[in-house]
Protein backbone atom coordinates (compact mmCIF):
# COMPACT_ATOMS: atom_id res chain seq x y z
CA UNK A 1 -1.32 4.46 17.35
CA UNK A 2 -0.40 6.58 14.36
CA UNK A 3 -2.45 6.51 11.15
CA UNK A 4 -0.94 3.78 9.01
CA UNK A 5 -2.10 1.84 5.98
CA UNK A 6 -0.05 -1.29 6.67
CA UNK A 7 1.56 -2.89 9.72
CA UNK A 8 5.36 -2.88 9.45
CA UNK A 9 5.67 -6.45 10.79
CA UNK A 10 3.29 -7.71 8.08
CA UNK A 11 5.25 -5.96 5.33
CA UNK A 12 8.61 -7.27 6.56
CA UNK A 13 7.18 -10.80 6.86
CA UNK A 14 5.72 -10.66 3.33
CA UNK A 15 9.01 -9.41 1.88
CA UNK A 16 10.94 -12.19 3.62
CA UNK A 17 8.44 -14.80 2.38
CA UNK A 18 8.83 -13.64 -1.23
CA UNK A 19 12.62 -13.27 -1.23
CA UNK A 20 14.70 -16.18 -2.53
CA UNK A 21 17.89 -17.49 -0.91
CA UNK A 22 20.12 -15.09 -2.86
CA UNK A 23 18.17 -12.06 -1.67
CA UNK A 24 16.07 -11.29 -4.75
CA UNK A 25 12.43 -10.36 -4.43
CA UNK A 26 9.85 -11.88 -6.78
CA UNK A 27 9.35 -10.02 -10.07
CA UNK A 28 5.64 -9.42 -9.46
CA UNK A 29 5.19 -7.04 -6.50
CA UNK A 30 1.44 -7.73 -6.44
CA UNK A 31 2.10 -11.16 -4.92
CA UNK A 32 3.98 -9.52 -2.06
CA UNK A 33 1.28 -6.91 -1.48
CA UNK A 34 -1.45 -9.59 -1.57
CA UNK A 35 0.12 -11.14 1.54
CA UNK A 36 0.03 -7.86 3.48
CA UNK A 37 -3.11 -7.17 5.49
CA UNK A 38 -4.41 -3.60 5.31
CA UNK A 39 -5.24 -1.77 8.49
CA UNK A 40 -8.97 -1.17 8.73
CA UNK A 41 -10.67 1.64 10.59
CA UNK A 42 -13.70 0.43 12.52
CA UNK A 43 -16.33 2.92 13.56
CA UNK A 44 -19.43 4.78 12.59
CA UNK A 45 -19.71 6.92 9.48
CA UNK A 46 -19.95 9.96 11.74
CA UNK A 47 -16.66 9.06 13.42
CA UNK A 48 -14.98 8.66 10.02
CA UNK A 49 -16.42 11.98 8.82
CA UNK A 50 -14.95 13.71 11.90
CA UNK A 51 -11.50 12.22 11.34
CA UNK A 52 -9.00 15.07 11.37
CA UNK A 53 -5.71 15.19 9.52
CA UNK A 54 -2.76 16.90 11.14
CA UNK A 55 -0.08 18.51 9.06
CA UNK A 56 3.33 18.70 10.70
CA UNK A 57 6.42 20.41 9.45
CA UNK A 58 8.80 17.89 7.91
CA UNK A 59 12.18 17.67 9.56
CA UNK A 60 15.26 16.16 7.96
CA UNK A 61 15.75 12.62 9.16
CA UNK A 62 18.50 10.09 8.74
CA UNK A 63 17.48 7.39 6.28
CA UNK A 64 18.39 3.81 7.10
CA UNK A 65 17.88 1.38 4.25
CA UNK A 66 16.70 -1.96 5.64
CA UNK A 67 16.00 -3.81 2.38
CA UNK A 68 16.56 -3.09 -1.30
CA UNK A 69 15.51 -4.80 -4.47
CA UNK A 70 14.91 -3.49 -7.98
CA UNK A 71 11.16 -3.20 -7.25
CA UNK A 72 11.06 -2.40 -3.51
CA UNK A 73 13.06 -0.35 -1.01
CA UNK A 74 12.27 -0.50 2.71
CA UNK A 75 13.66 2.45 4.69
CA UNK A 76 13.50 3.65 8.26
CA UNK A 77 13.34 7.39 8.87
CA UNK A 78 13.17 8.25 12.53
CA UNK A 79 10.57 5.97 14.08
CA UNK A 80 8.62 5.35 10.83
CA UNK A 81 9.11 2.85 8.04
CA UNK A 82 8.61 3.60 4.34
CA UNK A 83 8.09 1.12 1.52
CA UNK A 84 8.98 2.61 -1.88
CA UNK A 85 7.62 0.77 -4.92
CA UNK A 86 9.16 0.88 -8.40
CA UNK A 87 7.96 -0.49 -11.75
CA UNK A 88 9.86 -2.99 -13.92
CA UNK A 89 11.83 -0.15 -15.56
CA UNK A 90 12.99 1.18 -12.19
CA UNK A 91 10.72 4.23 -12.19
CA UNK A 92 9.36 5.32 -8.83
CA UNK A 93 5.63 4.54 -8.46
CA UNK A 94 4.65 5.38 -4.88
CA UNK A 95 5.69 5.33 -1.26
CA UNK A 96 3.71 3.77 1.57
CA UNK A 97 4.16 4.55 5.27
CA UNK A 98 4.07 1.38 7.32
């Protein structure tokens, strides 16, 4: 399993649950994120201290947009999914790998 903060199935399910019949996501993204369970790392403090991060060279990947709203964009790049979050004014806030 790769290091991930959220499970992609949980994010997709939460987005579907908070999207109305005309395809618009709720205005408050915090309600959507409240429904998504975070992945937890279980282990000893020593195991967490020894956790290593690998840096790989980024390769260009084809982006496939799976879902778009004014606050959220869900994309697939290669075999990973990315959830991009925007504020009410449409300014990019952050991107989460799921």
